[in-house]
Amino acid sequence: QVRLVESGGGLVQPGGSLRLSCAASGLTFSSYRMSWHRQAPGKERELVATITRTGGSTNYGDSVKGRFTISRDNAKNTVSLQMNSLKPEDTAVYYCNARHWVAGTVTYWGQGIQVTVSS
C-alpha cells in the first residue's frame, strides 16, 4: 500500500524555523510530482509548494515565497519543506501530496502534521 508519512512539525516562535519531511513508500517515487499543502481551521486547503520529479523546477504560494524551500531526494523517497521566518499565519496542518507524472488523477495524501507558530 502507498504511504506518505509527515514528520518534523511542532511549536515554534515567530521568526523561527522548522523542517518538515515526508517519507513515501509503496510507489515509484520518481514518477510523482510532490507538493506540500496546508489547511488552517475554517479555511480552504492551499498549495504551499510543489517540485517536479527530478527537482529541477519548484513553485511556491505567494504567502511563502522567499521563506520556504521545497526539496526532494529520490534515492531516499523523501520530500522536505524548510520553513524559515515563520509567522503566526503559517499555523496550519501541513499535508504531503504525490501526483503521478502521467496519470495526474492518481494522487495520494499524507495524514497531515501540525505546525503552530506562537509566542
PDB file of N, CA and C in Angstrom:
ATOM      1  N   GLN A   1       0.826  -1.174   0.000  1.00  0.00           N
ATOM      2  CA  GLN A   1       0.000   0.000   0.000  1.00  0.00           C
ATOM      3  C   GLN A   1       0.877   1.248   0.000  1.00  0.00           C
ATOM      4  N   VAL A   2       0.317   2.314  -0.549  1.00  0.00           N
ATOM      5  CA  VAL A   2       1.024   3.576  -0.602  1.00  0.00           C
ATOM      6  C   VAL A   2       0.897   4.295   0.729  1.00  0.00           C
ATOM      7  N   ARG A   3       2.019   4.813   1.206  1.00  0.00           N
ATOM      8  CA  ARG A   3       2.023   5.561   2.450  1.00  0.00           C
ATOM      9  C   ARG A   3       2.858   6.815   2.292  1.00  0.00           C
ATOM     10  N   LEU A   4       2.334   7.918   2.792  1.00  0.00           N
ATOM     11  CA  LEU A   4       3.061   9.176   2.891  1.00  0.00           C
ATOM     12  C   LEU A   4       3.003   9.589   4.353  1.00  0.00           C
ATOM     13  N   VAL A   5       4.152   9.692   4.988  1.00  0.00           N
ATOM     14  CA  VAL A   5       4.214   9.968   6.415  1.00  0.00           C
ATOM     15  C   VAL A   5       5.013  11.233   6.666  1.00  0.00           C
ATOM     16  N   GLU A   6       4.335  12.244   7.202  1.00  0.00           N
ATOM     17  CA  GLU A   6       4.983  13.512   7.518  1.00  0.00           C
ATOM     18  C   GLU A   6       5.618  13.469   8.901  1.00  0.00           C
ATOM     19  N   SER A   7       6.666  14.255   9.078  1.00  0.00           N
ATOM     20  CA  SER A   7       7.314  14.383  10.370  1.00  0.00           C
ATOM     21  C   SER A   7       7.982  15.749  10.464  1.00  0.00           C
ATOM     22  N   GLY A   8       8.322  16.149  11.687  1.00  0.00           N
ATOM     23  CA  GLY A   8       9.055  17.384  11.892  1.00  0.00           C
ATOM     24  C   GLY A   8       8.237  18.575  12.333  1.00  0.00           C
ATOM     25  N   GLY A   9       6.941  18.411  12.490  1.00  0.00           N
ATOM     26  CA  GLY A   9       6.104  19.510  12.921  1.00  0.00           C
ATOM     27  C   GLY A   9       6.260  19.798  14.397  1.00  0.00           C
ATOM     28  N   GLY A  10       5.539  20.828  14.861  1.00  0.00           N
ATOM     29  CA  GLY A  10       5.594  21.179  16.261  1.00  0.00           C
ATOM     30  C   GLY A  10       5.333  22.645  16.489  1.00  0.00           C
ATOM     31  N   LEU A  11       5.760  23.126  17.648  1.00  0.00           N
ATOM     32  CA  LEU A  11       5.561  24.508  18.065  1.00  0.00           C
ATOM     33  C   LEU A  11       6.853  25.294  17.939  1.00  0.00           C
ATOM     34  N   VAL A  12       6.775  26.447  17.286  1.00  0.00           N
ATOM     35  CA  VAL A  12       7.922  27.341  17.158  1.00  0.00           C
ATOM     36  C   VAL A  12       7.478  28.775  17.384  1.00  0.00           C
ATOM     37  N   GLN A  13       8.423  29.624  17.759  1.00  0.00           N
ATOM     38  CA  GLN A  13       8.135  31.038  17.955  1.00  0.00           C
ATOM     39  C   GLN A  13       8.192  31.794  16.636  1.00  0.00           C
ATOM     40  N   PRO A  14       7.473  32.913  16.539  1.00  0.00           N
ATOM     41  CA  PRO A  14       7.569  33.728  15.325  1.00  0.00           C
ATOM     42  C   PRO A  14       9.023  34.066  15.006  1.00  0.00           C
ATOM     43  N   GLY A  15       9.358  33.975  13.727  1.00  0.00           N
ATOM     44  CA  GLY A  15      10.727  34.209  13.294  1.00  0.00           C
ATOM     45  C   GLY A  15      11.595  32.972  13.307  1.00  0.00           C
ATOM     46  N   GLY A  16      11.100  31.901  13.882  1.00  0.00           N
ATOM     47  CA  GLY A  16      11.852  30.668  13.968  1.00  0.00           C
ATOM     48  C   GLY A  16      11.787  29.845  12.701  1.00  0.00           C
ATOM     49  N   SER A  17      12.415  28.678  12.745  1.00  0.00           N
ATOM     50  CA  SER A  17      12.483  27.785  11.592  1.00  0.00           C
ATOM     51  C   SER A  17      12.037  26.382  11.964  1.00  0.00           C
ATOM     52  N   LEU A  18      11.581  25.666  10.958  1.00  0.00           N
ATOM     53  CA  LEU A  18      11.145  24.294  11.132  1.00  0.00           C
ATOM     54  C   LEU A  18      11.332  23.572   9.808  1.00  0.00           C
ATOM     55  N   ARG A  19      11.667  22.294   9.884  1.00  0.00           N
ATOM     56  CA  ARG A  19      11.837  21.495   8.674  1.00  0.00           C
ATOM     57  C   ARG A  19      10.899  20.302   8.717  1.00  0.00           C
ATOM     58  N   LEU A  20      10.030  20.213   7.721  1.00  0.00           N
ATOM     59  CA  LEU A  20       9.117  19.092   7.590  1.00  0.00           C
ATOM     60  C   LEU A  20       9.677  18.084   6.593  1.00  0.00           C
ATOM     61  N   SER A  21       9.425  16.814   6.851  1.00  0.00           N
ATOM     62  CA  SER A  21       9.826  15.760   5.935  1.00  0.00           C
ATOM     63  C   SER A  21       8.647  14.851   5.657  1.00  0.00           C
ATOM     64  N   CYS A  22       8.645  14.260   4.477  1.00  0.00           N
ATOM     65  CA  CYS A  22       7.616  13.315   4.073  1.00  0.00           C
ATOM     66  C   CYS A  22       8.299  12.090   3.488  1.00  0.00           C
ATOM     67  N   ALA A  23       8.072  10.949   4.108  1.00  0.00           N
ATOM     68  CA  ALA A  23       8.645   9.692   3.641  1.00  0.00           C
ATOM     69  C   ALA A  23       7.588   8.904   2.884  1.00  0.00           C
ATOM     70  N   ALA A  24       7.899   8.531   1.655  1.00  0.00           N
ATOM     71  CA  ALA A  24       6.964   7.810   0.798  1.00  0.00           C
ATOM     72  C   ALA A  24       7.373   6.352   0.659  1.00  0.00           C
ATOM     73  N   SER A  25       6.378   5.487   0.567  1.00  0.00           N
ATOM     74  CA  SER A  25       6.624   4.070   0.342  1.00  0.00           C
ATOM     75  C   SER A  25       5.471   3.479  -0.452  1.00  0.00           C
ATOM     76  N   GLY A  26       5.725   2.365  -1.127  1.00  0.00           N
ATOM     77  CA  GLY A  26       4.690   1.695  -1.888  1.00  0.00           C
ATOM     78  C   GLY A  26       4.420   2.282  -3.261  1.00  0.00           C
ATOM     79  N   LEU A  27       5.285   3.161  -3.728  1.00  0.00           N
ATOM     80  CA  LEU A  27       5.132   3.768  -5.045  1.00  0.00           C
ATOM     81  C   LEU A  27       6.499   4.038  -5.654  1.00  0.00           C
ATOM     82  N   THR A  28       6.509   4.227  -6.970  1.00  0.00           N
ATOM     83  CA  THR A  28       7.743   4.613  -7.642  1.00  0.00           C
ATOM     84  C   THR A  28       7.891   6.117  -7.479  1.00  0.00           C
ATOM     85  N   PHE A  29       8.640   6.507  -6.488  1.00  0.00           N
ATOM     86  CA  PHE A  29       8.695   7.894  -6.049  1.00  0.00           C
ATOM     87  C   PHE A  29       9.078   8.853  -7.171  1.00  0.00           C
ATOM     88  N   SER A  30      10.010   8.463  -8.008  1.00  0.00           N
ATOM     89  CA  SER A  30      10.492   9.342  -9.065  1.00  0.00           C
ATOM     90  C   SER A  30       9.450   9.602 -10.151  1.00  0.00           C
ATOM     91  N   SER A  31       8.331   8.887 -10.132  1.00  0.00           N
ATOM     92  CA  SER A  31       7.265   9.093 -11.106  1.00  0.00           C
ATOM     93  C   SER A  31       6.223  10.101 -10.638  1.00  0.00           C
ATOM     94  N   TYR A  32       6.445  10.707  -9.487  1.00  0.00           N
ATOM     95  CA  TYR A  32       5.450  11.589  -8.893  1.00  0.00           C
ATOM     96  C   TYR A  32       5.973  12.994  -8.664  1.00  0.00           C
ATOM     97  N   ARG A  33       5.128  13.964  -9.012  1.00  0.00           N
ATOM     98  CA  ARG A  33       5.351  15.324  -8.582  1.00  0.00           C
ATOM     99  C   ARG A  33       4.937  15.411  -7.126  1.00  0.00           C
ATOM    100  N   MET A  34       5.750  16.054  -6.318  1.00  0.00           N
ATOM    101  CA  MET A  34       5.465  16.154  -4.893  1.00  0.00           C
ATOM    102  C   MET A  34       5.110  17.588  -4.523  1.00  0.00           C
ATOM    103  N   SER A  35       4.194  17.714  -3.572  1.00  0.00           N
ATOM    104  CA  SER A  35       3.742  19.026  -3.136  1.00  0.00           C
ATOM    105  C   SER A  35       3.493  19.034  -1.640  1.00  0.00           C
ATOM    106  N   TRP A  36       3.531  20.226  -1.079  1.00  0.00           N
ATOM    107  CA  TRP A  36       3.084  20.470   0.283  1.00  0.00           C
ATOM    108  C   TRP A  36       1.874  21.397   0.237  1.00  0.00           C
ATOM    109  N   HIS A  37       0.865  21.061   1.007  1.00  0.00           N
ATOM    110  CA  HIS A  37      -0.333  21.875   1.158  1.00  0.00           C
ATOM    111  C   HIS A  37      -0.557  22.123   2.641  1.00  0.00           C
ATOM    112  N   ARG A  38      -1.377  23.110   2.949  1.00  0.00           N
ATOM    113  CA  ARG A  38      -1.701  23.359   4.342  1.00  0.00           C
ATOM    114  C   ARG A  38      -3.145  23.816   4.477  1.00  0.00           C
ATOM    115  N   GLN A  39      -3.700  23.599   5.664  1.00  0.00           N
ATOM    116  CA  GLN A  39      -5.068  23.997   5.932  1.00  0.00           C
ATOM    117  C   GLN A  39      -5.190  24.466   7.369  1.00  0.00           C
ATOM    118  N   ALA A  40      -5.625  25.705   7.525  1.00  0.00           N
ATOM    119  CA  ALA A  40      -5.893  26.269   8.833  1.00  0.00           C
ATOM    120  C   ALA A  40      -7.370  26.097   9.147  1.00  0.00           C
ATOM    121  N   PRO A  41      -7.744  26.079  10.426  1.00  0.00           N
ATOM    122  CA  PRO A  41      -9.154  25.916  10.791  1.00  0.00           C
ATOM    123  C   PRO A  41     -10.046  26.953  10.121  1.00  0.00           C
ATOM    124  N   GLY A  42     -11.127  26.494   9.498  1.00  0.00           N
ATOM    125  CA  GLY A  42     -12.073  27.382   8.856  1.00  0.00           C
ATOM    126  C   GLY A  42     -11.647  27.915   7.505  1.00  0.00           C
ATOM    127  N   LYS A  43     -10.503  27.466   7.002  1.00  0.00           N
ATOM    128  CA  LYS A  43     -10.014  27.951   5.721  1.00  0.00           C
ATOM    129  C   LYS A  43      -9.856  26.809   4.720  1.00  0.00           C
ATOM    130  N   GLU A  44      -9.786  27.191   3.444  1.00  0.00           N
ATOM    131  CA  GLU A  44      -9.569  26.215   2.389  1.00  0.00           C
ATOM    132  C   GLU A  44      -8.138  25.699   2.432  1.00  0.00           C
ATOM    133  N   ARG A  45      -7.966  24.466   2.005  1.00  0.00           N
ATOM    134  CA  ARG A  45      -6.627  23.929   1.860  1.00  0.00           C
ATOM    135  C   ARG A  45      -5.925  24.652   0.715  1.00  0.00           C
ATOM    136  N   GLU A  46      -4.693  25.079   0.941  1.00  0.00           N
ATOM    137  CA  GLU A  46      -3.966  25.841  -0.061  1.00  0.00           C
ATOM    138  C   GLU A  46      -2.633  25.186  -0.402  1.00  0.00           C
ATOM    139  N   LEU A  47      -2.208  25.416  -1.626  1.00  0.00           N
ATOM    140  CA  LEU A  47      -0.921  24.910  -2.080  1.00  0.00           C
ATOM    141  C   LEU A  47       0.200  25.754  -1.498  1.00  0.00           C
ATOM    142  N   VAL A  48       1.184  25.103  -0.919  1.00  0.00           N
ATOM    143  CA  VAL A  48       2.335  25.781  -0.344  1.00  0.00           C
ATOM    144  C   VAL A  48       3.516  25.752  -1.300  1.00  0.00           C
ATOM    145  N   ALA A  49       3.844  24.571  -1.797  1.00  0.00           N
ATOM    146  CA  ALA A  49       4.995  24.420  -2.680  1.00  0.00           C
ATOM    147  C   ALA A  49       4.875  23.135  -3.476  1.00  0.00           C
ATOM    148  N   THR A  50       5.486  23.115  -4.650  1.00  0.00           N
ATOM    149  CA  THR A  50       5.493  21.920  -5.479  1.00  0.00           C
ATOM    150  C   THR A  50       6.869  21.760  -6.114  1.00  0.00           C
ATOM    151  N   ILE A  51       7.226  20.526  -6.409  1.00  0.00           N
ATOM    152  CA  ILE A  51       8.527  20.230  -7.001  1.00  0.00           C
ATOM    153  C   ILE A  51       8.370  19.120  -8.028  1.00  0.00           C
ATOM    154  N   THR A  52       9.058  19.250  -9.157  1.00  0.00           N
ATOM    155  CA  THR A  52       8.970  18.274 -10.226  1.00  0.00           C
ATOM    156  C   THR A  52       9.718  16.998  -9.870  1.00  0.00           C
ATOM    157  N   ARG A  53       9.623  16.003 -10.756  1.00  0.00           N
ATOM    158  CA  ARG A  53      10.167  14.683 -10.455  1.00  0.00           C
ATOM    159  C   ARG A  53      11.654  14.685 -10.128  1.00  0.00           C
ATOM    160  N   THR A  54      12.412  15.462 -10.874  1.00  0.00           N
ATOM    161  CA  THR A  54      13.856  15.487 -10.679  1.00  0.00           C
ATOM    162  C   THR A  54      14.303  16.605  -9.748  1.00  0.00           C
ATOM    163  N   GLY A  55      13.378  17.450  -9.337  1.00  0.00           N
ATOM    164  CA  GLY A  55      13.735  18.583  -8.511  1.00  0.00           C
ATOM    165  C   GLY A  55      14.233  19.777  -9.299  1.00  0.00           C
ATOM    166  N   GLY A  56      14.089  19.729 -10.622  1.00  0.00           N
ATOM    167  CA  GLY A  56      14.606  20.792 -11.461  1.00  0.00           C
ATOM    168  C   GLY A  56      13.778  22.060 -11.473  1.00  0.00           C
ATOM    169  N   SER A  57      12.553  21.976 -11.004  1.00  0.00           N
ATOM    170  CA  SER A  57      11.674  23.140 -11.000  1.00  0.00           C
ATOM    171  C   SER A  57      10.823  23.124  -9.745  1.00  0.00           C
ATOM    172  N   THR A  58      10.665  24.298  -9.142  1.00  0.00           N
ATOM    173  CA  THR A  58       9.837  24.440  -7.947  1.00  0.00           C
ATOM    174  C   THR A  58       8.920  25.635  -8.086  1.00  0.00           C
ATOM    175  N   ASN A  59       7.804  25.589  -7.372  1.00  0.00           N
ATOM    176  CA  ASN A  59       6.862  26.697  -7.333  1.00  0.00           C
ATOM    177  C   ASN A  59       6.353  26.856  -5.917  1.00  0.00           C
ATOM    178  N   TYR A  60       6.006  28.102  -5.561  1.00  0.00           N
ATOM    179  CA  TYR A  60       5.580  28.412  -4.211  1.00  0.00           C
ATOM    180  C   TYR A  60       4.355  29.298  -4.207  1.00  0.00           C
ATOM    181  N   GLY A  61       3.542  29.134  -3.184  1.00  0.00           N
ATOM    182  CA  GLY A  61       2.458  30.057  -2.972  1.00  0.00           C
ATOM    183  C   GLY A  61       2.997  31.434  -2.621  1.00  0.00           C
ATOM    184  N   ASP A  62       2.237  32.465  -2.980  1.00  0.00           N
ATOM    185  CA  ASP A  62       2.709  33.835  -2.769  1.00  0.00           C
ATOM    186  C   ASP A  62       3.031  34.129  -1.305  1.00  0.00           C
ATOM    187  N   SER A  63       2.293  33.548  -0.401  1.00  0.00           N
ATOM    188  CA  SER A  63       2.460  33.850   1.005  1.00  0.00           C
ATOM    189  C   SER A  63       3.739  33.281   1.615  1.00  0.00           C
ATOM    190  N   VAL A  64       4.403  32.352   0.916  1.00  0.00           N
ATOM    191  CA  VAL A  64       5.589  31.719   1.478  1.00  0.00           C
ATOM    192  C   VAL A  64       6.840  31.942   0.643  1.00  0.00           C
ATOM    193  N   LYS A  65       6.716  32.606  -0.487  1.00  0.00           N
ATOM    194  CA  LYS A  65       7.873  32.851  -1.348  1.00  0.00           C
ATOM    195  C   LYS A  65       8.964  33.605  -0.599  1.00  0.00           C
ATOM    196  N   GLY A  66      10.178  33.130  -0.746  1.00  0.00           N
ATOM    197  CA  GLY A  66      11.308  33.743  -0.082  1.00  0.00           C
ATOM    198  C   GLY A  66      11.558  33.237   1.316  1.00  0.00           C
ATOM    199  N   ARG A  67      10.621  32.484   1.873  1.00  0.00           N
ATOM    200  CA  ARG A  67      10.756  31.964   3.227  1.00  0.00           C
ATOM    201  C   ARG A  67      10.834  30.444   3.289  1.00  0.00           C
ATOM    202  N   PHE A  68      10.132  29.768   2.385  1.00  0.00           N
ATOM    203  CA  PHE A  68      10.082  28.306   2.378  1.00  0.00           C
ATOM    204  C   PHE A  68      10.864  27.756   1.195  1.00  0.00           C
ATOM    205  N   THR A  69      11.429  26.564   1.371  1.00  0.00           N
ATOM    206  CA  THR A  69      12.142  25.885   0.309  1.00  0.00           C
ATOM    207  C   THR A  69      11.760  24.414   0.288  1.00  0.00           C
ATOM    208  N   ILE A  70      11.323  23.930  -0.868  1.00  0.00           N
ATOM    209  CA  ILE A  70      10.981  22.526  -1.030  1.00  0.00           C
ATOM    210  C   ILE A  70      12.138  21.812  -1.727  1.00  0.00           C
ATOM    211  N   SER A  71      12.381  20.571  -1.333  1.00  0.00           N
ATOM    212  CA  SER A  71      13.432  19.773  -1.945  1.00  0.00           C
ATOM    213  C   SER A  71      13.036  18.304  -1.892  1.00  0.00           C
ATOM    214  N   ARG A  72      13.715  17.480  -2.695  1.00  0.00           N
ATOM    215  CA  ARG A  72      13.413  16.052  -2.678  1.00  0.00           C
ATOM    216  C   ARG A  72      14.684  15.244  -2.857  1.00  0.00           C
ATOM    217  N   ASP A  73      14.646  14.020  -2.377  1.00  0.00           N
ATOM    218  CA  ASP A  73      15.744  13.080  -2.517  1.00  0.00           C
ATOM    219  C   ASP A  73      15.144  11.780  -3.025  1.00  0.00           C
ATOM    220  N   ASN A  74      15.259  11.546  -4.324  1.00  0.00           N
ATOM    221  CA  ASN A  74      14.636  10.371  -4.922  1.00  0.00           C
ATOM    222  C   ASN A  74      15.283   9.061  -4.473  1.00  0.00           C
ATOM    223  N   ALA A  75      16.531   9.128  -4.055  1.00  0.00           N
ATOM    224  CA  ALA A  75      17.203   7.934  -3.556  1.00  0.00           C
ATOM    225  C   ALA A  75      16.650   7.499  -2.210  1.00  0.00           C
ATOM    226  N   LYS A  76      16.134   8.459  -1.448  1.00  0.00           N
ATOM    227  CA  LYS A  76      15.585   8.173  -0.130  1.00  0.00           C
ATOM    228  C   LYS A  76      14.064   8.212  -0.097  1.00  0.00           C
ATOM    229  N   ASN A  77      13.443   8.525  -1.227  1.00  0.00           N
ATOM    230  CA  ASN A  77      11.978   8.619  -1.308  1.00  0.00           C
ATOM    231  C   ASN A  77      11.422   9.621  -0.301  1.00  0.00           C
ATOM    232  N   THR A  78      12.034  10.785  -0.238  1.00  0.00           N
ATOM    233  CA  THR A  78      11.588  11.810   0.686  1.00  0.00           C
ATOM    234  C   THR A  78      11.468  13.167   0.011  1.00  0.00           C
ATOM    235  N   VAL A  79      10.572  13.970   0.532  1.00  0.00           N
ATOM    236  CA  VAL A  79      10.446  15.362   0.136  1.00  0.00           C
ATOM    237  C   VAL A  79      10.403  16.181   1.419  1.00  0.00           C
ATOM    238  N   SER A  80      11.054  17.337   1.403  1.00  0.00           N
ATOM    239  CA  SER A  80      11.165  18.157   2.600  1.00  0.00           C
ATOM    240  C   SER A  80      10.688  19.571   2.334  1.00  0.00           C
ATOM    241  N   LEU A  81      10.357  20.257   3.412  1.00  0.00           N
ATOM    242  CA  LEU A  81       9.966  21.665   3.341  1.00  0.00           C
ATOM    243  C   LEU A  81      10.684  22.401   4.459  1.00  0.00           C
ATOM    244  N   GLN A  82      11.648  23.224   4.081  1.00  0.00           N
ATOM    245  CA  GLN A  82      12.356  24.059   5.035  1.00  0.00           C
ATOM    246  C   GLN A  82      11.592  25.365   5.188  1.00  0.00           C
ATOM    247  N   MET A  83      11.175  25.669   6.400  1.00  0.00           N
ATOM    248  CA  MET A  83      10.372  26.845   6.675  1.00  0.00           C
ATOM    249  C   MET A  83      11.157  27.794   7.570  1.00  0.00           C
ATOM    250  N   ASN A  84      11.428  28.985   7.070  1.00  0.00           N
ATOM    251  CA  ASN A  84      12.157  29.998   7.808  1.00  0.00           C
ATOM    252  C   ASN A  84      11.287  31.233   8.009  1.00  0.00           C
ATOM    253  N   SER A  85      11.701  32.080   8.942  1.00  0.00           N
ATOM    254  CA  SER A  85      10.985  33.326   9.227  1.00  0.00           C
ATOM    255  C   SER A  85       9.495  33.077   9.409  1.00  0.00           C
ATOM    256  N   LEU A  86       9.183  32.108  10.222  1.00  0.00           N
ATOM    257  CA  LEU A  86       7.796  31.697  10.392  1.00  0.00           C
ATOM    258  C   LEU A  86       6.951  32.780  11.054  1.00  0.00           C
ATOM    259  N   LYS A  87       5.705  32.844  10.613  1.00  0.00           N
ATOM    260  CA  LYS A  87       4.737  33.813  11.106  1.00  0.00           C
ATOM    261  C   LYS A  87       3.545  33.085  11.713  1.00  0.00           C
ATOM    262  N   PRO A  88       2.815  33.745  12.613  1.00  0.00           N
ATOM    263  CA  PRO A  88       1.629  33.100  13.187  1.00  0.00           C
ATOM    264  C   PRO A  88       0.641  32.606  12.127  1.00  0.00           C
ATOM    265  N   GLU A  89       0.529  33.321  11.014  1.00  0.00           N
ATOM    266  CA  GLU A  89      -0.390  32.912   9.964  1.00  0.00           C
ATOM    267  C   GLU A  89       0.049  31.656   9.222  1.00  0.00           C
ATOM    268  N   ASP A  90       1.249  31.167   9.505  1.00  0.00           N
ATOM    269  CA  ASP A  90       1.690  29.894   8.949  1.00  0.00           C
ATOM    270  C   ASP A  90       1.137  28.710   9.732  1.00  0.00           C
ATOM    271  N   THR A  91       0.501  28.980  10.852  1.00  0.00           N
ATOM    272  CA  THR A  91      -0.076  27.920  11.664  1.00  0.00           C
ATOM    273  C   THR A  91      -1.141  27.165  10.877  1.00  0.00           C
ATOM    274  N   ALA A  92      -0.981  25.856  10.767  1.00  0.00           N
ATOM    275  CA  ALA A  92      -1.893  25.030   9.983  1.00  0.00           C
ATOM    276  C   ALA A  92      -1.473  23.571  10.099  1.00  0.00           C
ATOM    277  N   VAL A  93      -2.313  22.707   9.560  1.00  0.00           N
ATOM    278  CA  VAL A  93      -1.929  21.320   9.348  1.00  0.00           C
ATOM    279  C   VAL A  93      -1.323  21.231   7.956  1.00  0.00           C
ATOM    280  N   TYR A  94      -0.138  20.681   7.872  1.00  0.00           N
ATOM    281  CA  TYR A  94       0.577  20.579   6.611  1.00  0.00           C
ATOM    282  C   TYR A  94       0.486  19.151   6.078  1.00  0.00           C
ATOM    283  N   TYR A  95       0.172  19.040   4.780  1.00  0.00           N
ATOM    284  CA  TYR A  95      -0.032  17.750   4.142  1.00  0.00           C
ATOM    285  C   TYR A  95       0.954  17.534   3.000  1.00  0.00           C
ATOM    286  N   CYS A  96       1.460  16.340   2.914  1.00  0.00           N
ATOM    287  CA  CYS A  96       2.296  15.912   1.805  1.00  0.00           C
ATOM    288  C   CYS A  96       1.413  15.294   0.721  1.00  0.00           C
ATOM    289  N   ASN A  97       1.685  15.626  -0.534  1.00  0.00           N
ATOM    290  CA  ASN A  97       0.886  15.137  -1.654  1.00  0.00           C
ATOM    291  C   ASN A  97       1.776  14.599  -2.765  1.00  0.00           C
ATOM    292  N   ALA A  98       1.339  13.509  -3.384  1.00  0.00           N
ATOM    293  CA  ALA A  98       2.022  12.933  -4.537  1.00  0.00           C
ATOM    294  C   ALA A  98       1.047  12.835  -5.701  1.00  0.00           C
ATOM    295  N   ARG A  99       1.459  13.326  -6.867  1.00  0.00           N
ATOM    296  CA  ARG A  99       0.639  13.258  -8.073  1.00  0.00           C
ATOM    297  C   ARG A  99       1.448  12.616  -9.189  1.00  0.00           C
ATOM    298  N   HIS A 100       0.898  11.580  -9.806  1.00  0.00           N
ATOM    299  CA  HIS A 100       1.629  10.863 -10.835  1.00  0.00           C
ATOM    300  C   HIS A 100       1.952  11.755 -12.020  1.00  0.00           C
ATOM    301  N   TRP A 101       3.147  11.605 -12.542  1.00  0.00           N
ATOM    302  CA  TRP A 101       3.633  12.433 -13.632  1.00  0.00           C
ATOM    303  C   TRP A 101       2.755  12.334 -14.873  1.00  0.00           C
ATOM    304  N   VAL A 102       2.297  11.134 -15.220  1.00  0.00           N
ATOM    305  CA  VAL A 102       1.484  10.911 -16.410  1.00  0.00           C
ATOM    306  C   VAL A 102       0.005  10.840 -16.050  1.00  0.00           C
ATOM    307  N   ALA A 103      -0.339   9.942 -15.140  1.00  0.00           N
ATOM    308  CA  ALA A 103      -1.718   9.779 -14.698  1.00  0.00           C
ATOM    309  C   ALA A 103      -1.981  10.756 -13.560  1.00  0.00           C
ATOM    310  N   GLY A 104      -2.283  11.990 -13.913  1.00  0.00           N
ATOM    311  CA  GLY A 104      -2.422  13.044 -12.929  1.00  0.00           C
ATOM    312  C   GLY A 104      -3.551  12.854 -11.938  1.00  0.00           C
ATOM    313  N   THR A 105      -4.524  12.016 -12.286  1.00  0.00           N
ATOM    314  CA  THR A 105      -5.621  11.764 -11.355  1.00  0.00           C
ATOM    315  C   THR A 105      -5.222  10.812 -10.241  1.00  0.00           C
ATOM    316  N   VAL A 106      -4.075  10.170 -10.371  1.00  0.00           N
ATOM    317  CA  VAL A 106      -3.583   9.275  -9.338  1.00  0.00           C
ATOM    318  C   VAL A 106      -2.820  10.112  -8.326  1.00  0.00           C
ATOM    319  N   THR A 107      -3.431  10.324  -7.184  1.00  0.00           N
ATOM    320  CA  THR A 107      -2.845  11.162  -6.145  1.00  0.00           C
ATOM    321  C   THR A 107      -2.941  10.476  -4.793  1.00  0.00           C
ATOM    322  N   TYR A 108      -2.024  10.846  -3.917  1.00  0.00           N
ATOM    323  CA  TYR A 108      -2.000  10.314  -2.568  1.00  0.00           C
ATOM    324  C   TYR A 108      -1.714  11.447  -1.591  1.00  0.00           C
ATOM    325  N   TRP A 109      -2.258  11.309  -0.402  1.00  0.00           N
ATOM    326  CA  TRP A 109      -2.099  12.305   0.647  1.00  0.00           C
ATOM    327  C   TRP A 109      -1.585  11.678   1.928  1.00  0.00           C
ATOM    328  N   GLY A 110      -0.732  12.416   2.623  1.00  0.00           N
ATOM    329  CA  GLY A 110      -0.364  12.038   3.963  1.00  0.00           C
ATOM    330  C   GLY A 110      -1.469  12.420   4.926  1.00  0.00           C
ATOM    331  N   GLN A 111      -1.342  12.012   6.174  1.00  0.00           N
ATOM    332  CA  GLN A 111      -2.380  12.293   7.155  1.00  0.00           C
ATOM    333  C   GLN A 111      -2.301  13.704   7.722  1.00  0.00           C
ATOM    334  N   GLY A 112      -1.220  14.401   7.479  1.00  0.00           N
ATOM    335  CA  GLY A 112      -1.066  15.760   7.945  1.00  0.00           C
ATOM    336  C   GLY A 112      -0.284  15.856   9.235  1.00  0.00           C
ATOM    337  N   ILE A 113       0.357  17.004   9.439  1.00  0.00           N
ATOM    338  CA  ILE A 113       1.118  17.249  10.655  1.00  0.00           C
ATOM    339  C   ILE A 113       0.942  18.702  11.069  1.00  0.00           C
ATOM    340  N   GLN A 114       0.799  18.926  12.362  1.00  0.00           N
ATOM    341  CA  GLN A 114       0.509  20.255  12.887  1.00  0.00           C
ATOM    342  C   GLN A 114       1.765  21.106  12.992  1.00  0.00           C
ATOM    343  N   VAL A 115       1.648  22.338  12.519  1.00  0.00           N
ATOM    344  CA  VAL A 115       2.669  23.362  12.715  1.00  0.00           C
ATOM    345  C   VAL A 115       2.009  24.545  13.406  1.00  0.00           C
ATOM    346  N   THR A 116       2.533  24.926  14.549  1.00  0.00           N
ATOM    347  CA  THR A 116       1.981  26.046  15.306  1.00  0.00           C
ATOM    348  C   THR A 116       3.072  27.081  15.536  1.00  0.00           C
ATOM    349  N   VAL A 117       2.801  28.304  15.121  1.00  0.00           N
ATOM    350  CA  VAL A 117       3.741  29.411  15.291  1.00  0.00           C
ATOM    351  C   VAL A 117       3.124  30.382  16.289  1.00  0.00           C
ATOM    352  N   SER A 118       3.697  30.440  17.468  1.00  0.00           N
ATOM    353  CA  SER A 118       3.116  31.245  18.535  1.00  0.00           C
ATOM    354  C   SER A 118       4.168  31.573  19.580  1.00  0.00           C
ATOM    355  N   SER A 119       3.972  32.720  20.245  1.00  0.00           N
ATOM    356  CA  SER A 119       4.829  33.097  21.354  1.00  0.00           C
ATOM    357  C   SER A 119       4.369  32.456  22.657  1.00  0.00           C
TER     358      SER A 119
END
